[in-house]
Amino acid sequence: MARICEVCGKGTAVGNNRSHSNRATKRKFKVNLFNKKIRLADGFVVKIKICSSCYKKLSAMGKI
């Protein structure tokens, strides 16, 4: 399964490692995912993969 947040769609990004001599080698920036259960408006509980920033927003709203 892909490492993608099911709320915002944030996924793995790519970039470069930079050495002291400024040589570039490829690297990956992986998203910080959690498997959490959320309560929907009609009382159902759903398991989703959610990133840390979305988790922080939803927990402040009281959804998690």
C-alpha atoms as a PDB file:
ATOM      1  CA  MET A   1       0.000   0.000   0.000  1.00  0.00           C
ATOM      2  CA  ALA A   2       1.259   3.472  -0.811  1.00  0.00           C
ATOM      3  CA  ARG A   3       2.534   5.872   1.819  1.00  0.00           C
ATOM      4  CA  ILE A   4      -0.116   8.542   1.217  1.00  0.00           C
ATOM      5  CA  CYS A   5      -2.280  10.441   3.706  1.00  0.00           C
ATOM      6  CA  GLU A   6      -5.945   9.648   3.052  1.00  0.00           C
ATOM      7  CA  VAL A   7      -7.052  13.115   4.226  1.00  0.00           C
ATOM      8  CA  CYS A   8      -4.762  15.590   2.457  1.00  0.00           C
ATOM      9  CA  GLY A   9      -3.028  13.359  -0.125  1.00  0.00           C
ATOM     10  CA  LYS A  10       0.477  14.114   1.116  1.00  0.00           C
ATOM     11  CA  GLY A  11       2.957  11.463  -0.036  1.00  0.00           C
ATOM     12  CA  THR A  12       6.638  10.708  -0.446  1.00  0.00           C
ATOM     13  CA  ALA A  13       8.669  13.597  -1.870  1.00  0.00           C
ATOM     14  CA  VAL A  14      12.098  13.385  -3.502  1.00  0.00           C
ATOM     15  CA  GLY A  15      15.126  15.617  -3.210  1.00  0.00           C
ATOM     16  CA  ASN A  16      18.896  15.574  -2.951  1.00  0.00           C
ATOM     17  CA  ASN A  17      21.429  14.832  -0.255  1.00  0.00           C
ATOM     18  CA  ARG A  18      24.162  17.462  -0.454  1.00  0.00           C
ATOM     19  CA  SER A  19      27.699  16.672   0.622  1.00  0.00           C
ATOM     20  CA  HIS A  20      30.262  19.200   1.816  1.00  0.00           C
ATOM     21  CA  SER A  21      31.544  19.473  -1.775  1.00  0.00           C
ATOM     22  CA  ASN A  22      27.925  20.100  -2.916  1.00  0.00           C
ATOM     23  CA  ARG A  23      27.590  16.791  -4.829  1.00  0.00           C
ATOM     24  CA  ALA A  24      23.984  15.632  -5.126  1.00  0.00           C
ATOM     25  CA  THR A  25      22.606  12.148  -4.538  1.00  0.00           C
ATOM     26  CA  LYS A  26      18.903  11.301  -4.571  1.00  0.00           C
ATOM     27  CA  ARG A  27      16.949  10.779  -1.349  1.00  0.00           C
ATOM     28  CA  LYS A  28      13.309  10.388  -0.263  1.00  0.00           C
ATOM     29  CA  PHE A  29      11.326  12.413   2.254  1.00  0.00           C
ATOM     30  CA  LYS A  30       8.735   9.983   3.644  1.00  0.00           C
ATOM     31  CA  VAL A  31       5.512  11.256   5.170  1.00  0.00           C
ATOM     32  CA  ASN A  32       4.917  10.609   8.892  1.00  0.00           C
ATOM     33  CA  LEU A  33       1.836   8.338   8.834  1.00  0.00           C
ATOM     34  CA  PHE A  34      -0.366   6.939  11.614  1.00  0.00           C
ATOM     35  CA  ASN A  35      -3.104   4.299  11.457  1.00  0.00           C
ATOM     36  CA  LYS A  36      -5.997   5.892  13.372  1.00  0.00           C
ATOM     37  CA  LYS A  37      -9.712   5.415  13.884  1.00  0.00           C
ATOM     38  CA  ILE A  38     -11.981   8.429  13.371  1.00  0.00           C
ATOM     39  CA  ARG A  39     -15.650   8.918  14.220  1.00  0.00           C
ATOM     40  CA  LEU A  40     -17.898  10.095  11.408  1.00  0.00           C
ATOM     41  CA  ALA A  41     -20.957  12.322  11.919  1.00  0.00           C
ATOM     42  CA  ASP A  42     -23.414   9.400  11.885  1.00  0.00           C
ATOM     43  CA  GLY A  43     -21.499   7.428  14.549  1.00  0.00           C
ATOM     44  CA  PHE A  44     -19.505   5.084  12.310  1.00  0.00           C
ATOM     45  CA  VAL A  45     -15.840   4.455  13.099  1.00  0.00           C
ATOM     46  CA  VAL A  46     -13.411   4.253  10.154  1.00  0.00           C
ATOM     47  CA  LYS A  47      -9.711   3.265  10.139  1.00  0.00           C
ATOM     48  CA  ILE A  48      -7.532   5.547   7.979  1.00  0.00           C
ATOM     49  CA  LYS A  49      -3.862   6.332   7.332  1.00  0.00           C
ATOM     50  CA  ILE A  50      -3.321   9.940   8.366  1.00  0.00           C
ATOM     51  CA  CYS A  51      -0.245  12.209   8.438  1.00  0.00           C
ATOM     52  CA  SER A  52       0.889  13.955  11.606  1.00  0.00           C
ATOM     53  CA  SER A  53      -0.296  17.426  10.555  1.00  0.00           C
ATOM     54  CA  CYS A  54      -3.804  16.172   9.714  1.00  0.00           C
ATOM     55  CA  TYR A  55      -3.864  14.172  12.961  1.00  0.00           C
ATOM     56  CA  LYS A  56      -3.083  17.337  14.894  1.00  0.00           C
ATOM     57  CA  LYS A  57      -5.894  19.246  13.162  1.00  0.00           C
ATOM     58  CA  LEU A  58      -8.496  16.485  13.590  1.00  0.00           C
ATOM     59  CA  SER A  59      -7.605  15.872  17.237  1.00  0.00           C
ATOM     60  CA  ALA A  60      -8.039  19.603  17.946  1.00  0.00           C
ATOM     61  CA  MET A  61     -11.547  19.380  16.417  1.00  0.00           C
ATOM     62  CA  GLY A  62     -12.320  16.320  18.574  1.00  0.00           C
ATOM     63  CA  LYS A  63     -12.728  13.842  15.703  1.00  0.00           C
ATOM     64  CA  ILE A  64     -10.056  11.415  16.927  1.00  0.00           C
END
